[in-house]
Amino acid sequence: MELVFATQNRNKLAEIQQLMPSSIRLKGLMDIGCDEDIPETRPNLEGNALQKAEFVYANYQVNCFSDDTGLEIDALNGEPGVLSARYAGLEKDAAANMAMVLNKLEGNSNRKARFRTAIALIIDGKEFLFEGIVEGEIAVGKRGDQGFGYDPIFIPVGENRSFAEMTMAEKGTMSHRKRALDGLLNFLKTLED
């Protein structure tokens, strides 16, 4: 089976490719000639994931899936949430986003947070949604140099390392994206049976 993952982010594509079974041939937007900045204007992660998948399906007629991920911090009333990539501005600057989070949490002992991923799949025009959540907390400063996005400041429950202090394979065993992807893959298996 061939699927397009609606992302321009090569880090995300590599992370997902590592988790996909060999029976699924995964392509990114660059592989189908899509270099557009697909809109993400809906008010929640599920809506944004669906919006991107609908765009790709409508314009390229390929079976596809898309994700949207948000970091939700309890002390910030769920921020940055759906605005995670653009929290500190439209430039999608990960360092500025992390600095803004750390600044807002300075002196706050409640550092509980979660990463949440929504995946929208469109197969032959039918839409399906999957979700993955990993609970954790925000570190007091950046730690590690692996990963991307908020990984250097997020410590998952049961770990004393940030996602950025783990290898991609280690992060892949517990990440929010992996959990959402597990739901997607279990569903795809039912199509093969």
C-alpha atoms as a PDB file:
ATOM      1  CA  MET A   1       0.000   0.000   0.000  1.00  0.00           C
ATOM      2  CA  GLU A   2       1.173   3.515  -0.773  1.00  0.00           C
ATOM      3  CA  LEU A   3       0.333   6.423   1.514  1.00  0.00           C
ATOM      4  CA  VAL A   4       1.297  10.067   1.469  1.00  0.00           C
ATOM      5  CA  PHE A   5       2.110  11.660   4.806  1.00  0.00           C
ATOM      6  CA  ALA A   6       1.039  15.285   4.439  1.00  0.00           C
ATOM      7  CA  THR A   7       4.159  16.930   5.804  1.00  0.00           C
ATOM      8  CA  GLN A   8       7.070  18.997   4.511  1.00  0.00           C
ATOM      9  CA  ASN A   9       8.946  18.285   7.756  1.00  0.00           C
ATOM     10  CA  ARG A  10      11.672  15.766   6.927  1.00  0.00           C
ATOM     11  CA  ASN A  11      12.244  15.059  10.660  1.00  0.00           C
ATOM     12  CA  LYS A  12       8.622  13.997  11.101  1.00  0.00           C
ATOM     13  CA  LEU A  13       8.726  11.969   7.883  1.00  0.00           C
ATOM     14  CA  ALA A  14      11.866  10.125   9.049  1.00  0.00           C
ATOM     15  CA  GLU A  15      10.320   9.460  12.463  1.00  0.00           C
ATOM     16  CA  ILE A  16       7.159   8.009  10.902  1.00  0.00           C
ATOM     17  CA  GLN A  17       9.041   6.013   8.238  1.00  0.00           C
ATOM     18  CA  GLN A  18      10.974   4.266  11.012  1.00  0.00           C
ATOM     19  CA  LEU A  19       7.692   3.140  12.579  1.00  0.00           C
ATOM     20  CA  MET A  20       5.913   2.020   9.384  1.00  0.00           C
ATOM     21  CA  PRO A  21       5.813  -1.662   8.409  1.00  0.00           C
ATOM     22  CA  SER A  22       7.550  -2.581   5.173  1.00  0.00           C
ATOM     23  CA  SER A  23       4.168  -3.314   3.523  1.00  0.00           C
ATOM     24  CA  ILE A  24       3.421   0.434   3.456  1.00  0.00           C
ATOM     25  CA  ARG A  25       5.365   2.650   1.078  1.00  0.00           C
ATOM     26  CA  LEU A  26       5.385   6.107   2.626  1.00  0.00           C
ATOM     27  CA  LYS A  27       5.829   9.329   0.670  1.00  0.00           C
ATOM     28  CA  GLY A  28       6.017  12.933   1.815  1.00  0.00           C
ATOM     29  CA  LEU A  29       4.551  16.000   0.148  1.00  0.00           C
ATOM     30  CA  MET A  30       7.847  16.646  -1.634  1.00  0.00           C
ATOM     31  CA  ASP A  31       7.498  13.239  -3.322  1.00  0.00           C
ATOM     32  CA  ILE A  32       4.194  14.202  -4.952  1.00  0.00           C
ATOM     33  CA  GLY A  33       5.358  17.681  -5.969  1.00  0.00           C
ATOM     34  CA  CYS A  34       3.422  19.562  -3.297  1.00  0.00           C
ATOM     35  CA  ASP A  35       5.389  22.476  -1.917  1.00  0.00           C
ATOM     36  CA  GLU A  36       2.426  24.566  -0.823  1.00  0.00           C
ATOM     37  CA  ASP A  37       2.001  25.759   2.726  1.00  0.00           C
ATOM     38  CA  ILE A  38      -1.215  23.891   3.506  1.00  0.00           C
ATOM     39  CA  PRO A  39      -3.547  25.932   5.720  1.00  0.00           C
ATOM     40  CA  GLU A  40      -4.083  25.037   9.373  1.00  0.00           C
ATOM     41  CA  THR A  41      -6.924  27.337  10.352  1.00  0.00           C
ATOM     42  CA  ARG A  42      -9.211  25.122  12.408  1.00  0.00           C
ATOM     43  CA  PRO A  43      -9.560  25.580  16.174  1.00  0.00           C
ATOM     44  CA  ASN A  44      -8.262  22.171  17.276  1.00  0.00           C
ATOM     45  CA  LEU A  45      -5.661  19.525  16.426  1.00  0.00           C
ATOM     46  CA  GLU A  46      -8.204  17.127  14.902  1.00  0.00           C
ATOM     47  CA  GLY A  47      -9.578  19.853  12.624  1.00  0.00           C
ATOM     48  CA  ASN A  48      -6.128  20.917  11.429  1.00  0.00           C
ATOM     49  CA  ALA A  49      -5.073  17.322  10.710  1.00  0.00           C
ATOM     50  CA  LEU A  50      -8.263  16.763   8.740  1.00  0.00           C
ATOM     51  CA  GLN A  51      -7.899  20.067   6.882  1.00  0.00           C
ATOM     52  CA  LYS A  52      -4.417  19.109   5.654  1.00  0.00           C
ATOM     53  CA  ALA A  53      -5.452  15.582   4.631  1.00  0.00           C
ATOM     54  CA  GLU A  54      -8.526  16.914   2.815  1.00  0.00           C
ATOM     55  CA  PHE A  55      -6.352  19.394   0.919  1.00  0.00           C
ATOM     56  CA  VAL A  56      -3.938  16.691  -0.255  1.00  0.00           C
ATOM     57  CA  TYR A  57      -6.701  14.257  -1.186  1.00  0.00           C
ATOM     58  CA  ALA A  58      -8.677  16.904  -3.092  1.00  0.00           C
ATOM     59  CA  ASN A  59      -5.682  18.295  -4.996  1.00  0.00           C
ATOM     60  CA  TYR A  60      -3.565  15.174  -5.605  1.00  0.00           C
ATOM     61  CA  GLN A  61      -6.114  12.307  -5.460  1.00  0.00           C
ATOM     62  CA  VAL A  62      -3.877  10.139  -3.254  1.00  0.00           C
ATOM     63  CA  ASN A  63      -4.639   8.201  -0.098  1.00  0.00           C
ATOM     64  CA  CYS A  64      -3.001  10.193   2.652  1.00  0.00           C
ATOM     65  CA  PHE A  65      -2.788  11.044   6.288  1.00  0.00           C
ATOM     66  CA  SER A  66      -1.812  14.128   8.188  1.00  0.00           C
ATOM     67  CA  ASP A  67      -1.111  14.920  11.779  1.00  0.00           C
ATOM     68  CA  ASP A  68      -1.216  17.886  14.041  1.00  0.00           C
ATOM     69  CA  THR A  69       0.520  17.911  17.383  1.00  0.00           C
ATOM     70  CA  GLY A  70       0.221  20.225  20.300  1.00  0.00           C
ATOM     71  CA  LEU A  71       1.985  20.666  23.601  1.00  0.00           C
ATOM     72  CA  GLU A  72      -0.615  21.303  26.303  1.00  0.00           C
ATOM     73  CA  ILE A  73       0.640  22.756  29.592  1.00  0.00           C
ATOM     74  CA  ASP A  74      -1.691  22.710  32.597  1.00  0.00           C
ATOM     75  CA  ALA A  75      -0.366  25.903  34.219  1.00  0.00           C
ATOM     76  CA  LEU A  76      -0.867  27.750  30.906  1.00  0.00           C
ATOM     77  CA  ASN A  77      -4.487  26.601  30.500  1.00  0.00           C
ATOM     78  CA  GLY A  78      -3.541  24.186  27.724  1.00  0.00           C
ATOM     79  CA  GLU A  79      -1.235  26.543  25.832  1.00  0.00           C
ATOM     80  CA  PRO A  80       0.422  26.437  23.413  1.00  0.00           C
ATOM     81  CA  GLY A  81      -1.964  23.713  22.172  1.00  0.00           C
ATOM     82  CA  VAL A  82      -3.113  24.134  18.596  1.00  0.00           C
ATOM     83  CA  LEU A  83      -0.704  27.081  18.237  1.00  0.00           C
ATOM     84  CA  SER A  84       2.369  25.049  19.269  1.00  0.00           C
ATOM     85  CA  ALA A  85       4.331  25.485  16.022  1.00  0.00           C
ATOM     86  CA  ARG A  86       3.635  29.239  15.882  1.00  0.00           C
ATOM     87  CA  TYR A  87       3.545  30.013  19.606  1.00  0.00           C
ATOM     88  CA  ALA A  88       6.217  32.718  19.454  1.00  0.00           C
ATOM     89  CA  GLY A  89       5.361  33.862  15.914  1.00  0.00           C
ATOM     90  CA  LEU A  90       4.640  32.819  12.353  1.00  0.00           C
ATOM     91  CA  GLU A  91       8.297  31.889  11.760  1.00  0.00           C
ATOM     92  CA  LYS A  92       7.766  28.511  13.522  1.00  0.00           C
ATOM     93  CA  ASP A  93      11.003  29.062  15.463  1.00  0.00           C
ATOM     94  CA  ALA A  94      11.415  26.148  17.897  1.00  0.00           C
ATOM     95  CA  ALA A  95      13.988  27.972  20.048  1.00  0.00           C
ATOM     96  CA  ALA A  96      11.725  31.018  20.396  1.00  0.00           C
ATOM     97  CA  ASN A  97       8.728  28.778  21.177  1.00  0.00           C
ATOM     98  CA  MET A  98      10.641  26.975  23.936  1.00  0.00           C
ATOM     99  CA  ALA A  99      11.955  30.253  25.345  1.00  0.00           C
ATOM    100  CA  MET A 100       8.410  31.605  25.519  1.00  0.00           C
ATOM    101  CA  VAL A 101       7.164  28.497  27.380  1.00  0.00           C
ATOM    102  CA  LEU A 102      10.077  28.548  29.825  1.00  0.00           C
ATOM    103  CA  ASN A 103       9.609  32.274  30.438  1.00  0.00           C
ATOM    104  CA  LYS A 104       5.879  31.872  31.128  1.00  0.00           C
ATOM    105  CA  LEU A 105       6.541  28.959  33.524  1.00  0.00           C
ATOM    106  CA  GLU A 106       9.392  30.618  35.413  1.00  0.00           C
ATOM    107  CA  GLY A 107       8.826  30.169  39.135  1.00  0.00           C
ATOM    108  CA  ASN A 108       5.785  27.929  38.603  1.00  0.00           C
ATOM    109  CA  SER A 109       5.974  24.545  40.336  1.00  0.00           C
ATOM    110  CA  ASN A 110       3.136  23.069  38.267  1.00  0.00           C
ATOM    111  CA  ARG A 111       4.967  21.874  35.173  1.00  0.00           C
ATOM    112  CA  LYS A 112       2.535  19.113  34.154  1.00  0.00           C
ATOM    113  CA  ALA A 113       2.096  18.865  30.402  1.00  0.00           C
ATOM    114  CA  ARG A 114       1.217  16.491  27.628  1.00  0.00           C
ATOM    115  CA  PHE A 115       1.966  16.089  23.975  1.00  0.00           C
ATOM    116  CA  ARG A 116      -1.130  15.214  21.961  1.00  0.00           C
ATOM    117  CA  THR A 117      -1.171  14.107  18.325  1.00  0.00           C
ATOM    118  CA  ALA A 118      -4.217  13.779  16.100  1.00  0.00           C
ATOM    119  CA  ILE A 119      -3.897  11.841  12.839  1.00  0.00           C
ATOM    120  CA  ALA A 120      -6.469  12.157  10.058  1.00  0.00           C
ATOM    121  CA  LEU A 121      -6.486   9.442   7.408  1.00  0.00           C
ATOM    122  CA  ILE A 122      -8.310   9.600   4.090  1.00  0.00           C
ATOM    123  CA  ILE A 123      -8.594   6.342   2.166  1.00  0.00           C
ATOM    124  CA  ASP A 124     -10.698   6.356  -0.989  1.00  0.00           C
ATOM    125  CA  GLY A 125     -12.522   9.460   0.241  1.00  0.00           C
ATOM    126  CA  LYS A 126     -13.383   8.061   3.699  1.00  0.00           C
ATOM    127  CA  GLU A 127     -12.068   9.944   6.744  1.00  0.00           C
ATOM    128  CA  PHE A 128     -10.781   8.423   9.987  1.00  0.00           C
ATOM    129  CA  LEU A 129      -9.229  10.007  13.117  1.00  0.00           C
ATOM    130  CA  PHE A 130      -6.682   8.629  15.602  1.00  0.00           C
ATOM    131  CA  GLU A 131      -5.168  10.181  18.755  1.00  0.00           C
ATOM    132  CA  GLY A 132      -2.018   9.672  20.800  1.00  0.00           C
ATOM    133  CA  ILE A 133      -1.139  11.283  24.130  1.00  0.00           C
ATOM    134  CA  VAL A 134       1.984  11.178  26.280  1.00  0.00           C
ATOM    135  CA  GLU A 135       1.922  12.786  29.725  1.00  0.00           C
ATOM    136  CA  GLY A 136       4.955  14.481  31.199  1.00  0.00           C
ATOM    137  CA  GLU A 137       6.343  17.729  32.505  1.00  0.00           C
ATOM    138  CA  ILE A 138       8.276  20.732  31.311  1.00  0.00           C
ATOM    139  CA  ALA A 139      11.947  20.874  32.320  1.00  0.00           C
ATOM    140  CA  VAL A 140      13.344  24.081  33.829  1.00  0.00           C
ATOM    141  CA  GLY A 141      15.692  24.439  30.850  1.00  0.00           C
ATOM    142  CA  LYS A 142      16.589  22.840  27.537  1.00  0.00           C
ATOM    143  CA  ARG A 143      18.226  19.418  27.760  1.00  0.00           C
ATOM    144  CA  GLY A 144      19.658  17.324  24.919  1.00  0.00           C
ATOM    145  CA  ASP A 145      20.240  17.869  21.230  1.00  0.00           C
ATOM    146  CA  GLN A 146      18.195  15.135  19.559  1.00  0.00           C
ATOM    147  CA  GLY A 147      14.661  15.472  18.221  1.00  0.00           C
ATOM    148  CA  PHE A 148      12.929  18.679  17.220  1.00  0.00           C
ATOM    149  CA  GLY A 149      10.299  21.156  18.349  1.00  0.00           C
ATOM    150  CA  TYR A 150       9.713  21.126  22.098  1.00  0.00           C
ATOM    151  CA  ASP A 151      11.647  17.854  22.642  1.00  0.00           C
ATOM    152  CA  PRO A 152      14.460  19.528  24.674  1.00  0.00           C
ATOM    153  CA  ILE A 153      12.036  20.746  27.359  1.00  0.00           C
ATOM    154  CA  PHE A 154       9.589  17.805  27.568  1.00  0.00           C
ATOM    155  CA  ILE A 155      10.219  14.961  30.021  1.00  0.00           C
ATOM    156  CA  PRO A 156       7.742  12.067  29.658  1.00  0.00           C
ATOM    157  CA  VAL A 157       6.291  10.350  32.721  1.00  0.00           C
ATOM    158  CA  GLY A 158       8.551   7.542  33.950  1.00  0.00           C
ATOM    159  CA  GLU A 159      11.682   9.150  32.487  1.00  0.00           C
ATOM    160  CA  ASN A 160      14.290  11.524  33.843  1.00  0.00           C
ATOM    161  CA  ARG A 161      15.463  12.447  30.333  1.00  0.00           C
ATOM    162  CA  SER A 162      13.875  14.857  27.899  1.00  0.00           C
ATOM    163  CA  PHE A 163      12.798  13.595  24.476  1.00  0.00           C
ATOM    164  CA  ALA A 164      15.882  15.397  23.103  1.00  0.00           C
ATOM    165  CA  GLU A 165      18.148  13.272  25.315  1.00  0.00           C
ATOM    166  CA  MET A 166      16.779  10.081  23.747  1.00  0.00           C
ATOM    167  CA  THR A 167      17.577   8.458  20.445  1.00  0.00           C
ATOM    168  CA  MET A 168      14.859   8.581  17.809  1.00  0.00           C
ATOM    169  CA  ALA A 169      14.236   4.871  18.437  1.00  0.00           C
ATOM    170  CA  GLU A 170      13.851   5.398  22.207  1.00  0.00           C
ATOM    171  CA  LYS A 171      11.474   8.311  21.721  1.00  0.00           C
ATOM    172  CA  GLY A 172       9.616   6.275  19.110  1.00  0.00           C
ATOM    173  CA  THR A 173       8.651   3.608  21.639  1.00  0.00           C
ATOM    174  CA  MET A 174       6.641   6.063  23.749  1.00  0.00           C
ATOM    175  CA  SER A 175       5.893   9.196  21.769  1.00  0.00           C
ATOM    176  CA  HIS A 176       2.466  10.710  21.220  1.00  0.00           C
ATOM    177  CA  ARG A 177       3.001  10.372  17.470  1.00  0.00           C
ATOM    178  CA  LYS A 178       3.787   6.655  17.896  1.00  0.00           C
ATOM    179  CA  ARG A 179       0.623   6.126  19.925  1.00  0.00           C
ATOM    180  CA  ALA A 180      -1.542   7.849  17.328  1.00  0.00           C
ATOM    181  CA  LEU A 181       0.284   5.976  14.590  1.00  0.00           C
ATOM    182  CA  ASP A 182      -0.390   2.657  16.360  1.00  0.00           C
ATOM    183  CA  GLY A 183      -4.101   3.383  16.041  1.00  0.00           C
ATOM    184  CA  LEU A 184      -3.634   4.181  12.352  1.00  0.00           C
ATOM    185  CA  LEU A 185      -1.562   1.044  11.705  1.00  0.00           C
ATOM    186  CA  ASN A 186      -3.998  -1.227  13.547  1.00  0.00           C
ATOM    187  CA  PHE A 187      -6.760   0.195  11.376  1.00  0.00           C
ATOM    188  CA  LEU A 188      -4.740  -0.295   8.170  1.00  0.00           C
ATOM    189  CA  LYS A 189      -4.169  -3.960   9.132  1.00  0.00           C
ATOM    190  CA  THR A 190      -7.939  -4.472   9.174  1.00  0.00           C
ATOM    191  CA  LEU A 191      -8.051  -3.271   5.554  1.00  0.00           C
ATOM    192  CA  GLU A 192      -5.480  -5.902   4.542  1.00  0.00           C
ATOM    193  CA  ASP A 193      -7.394  -8.780   6.175  1.00  0.00           C
END
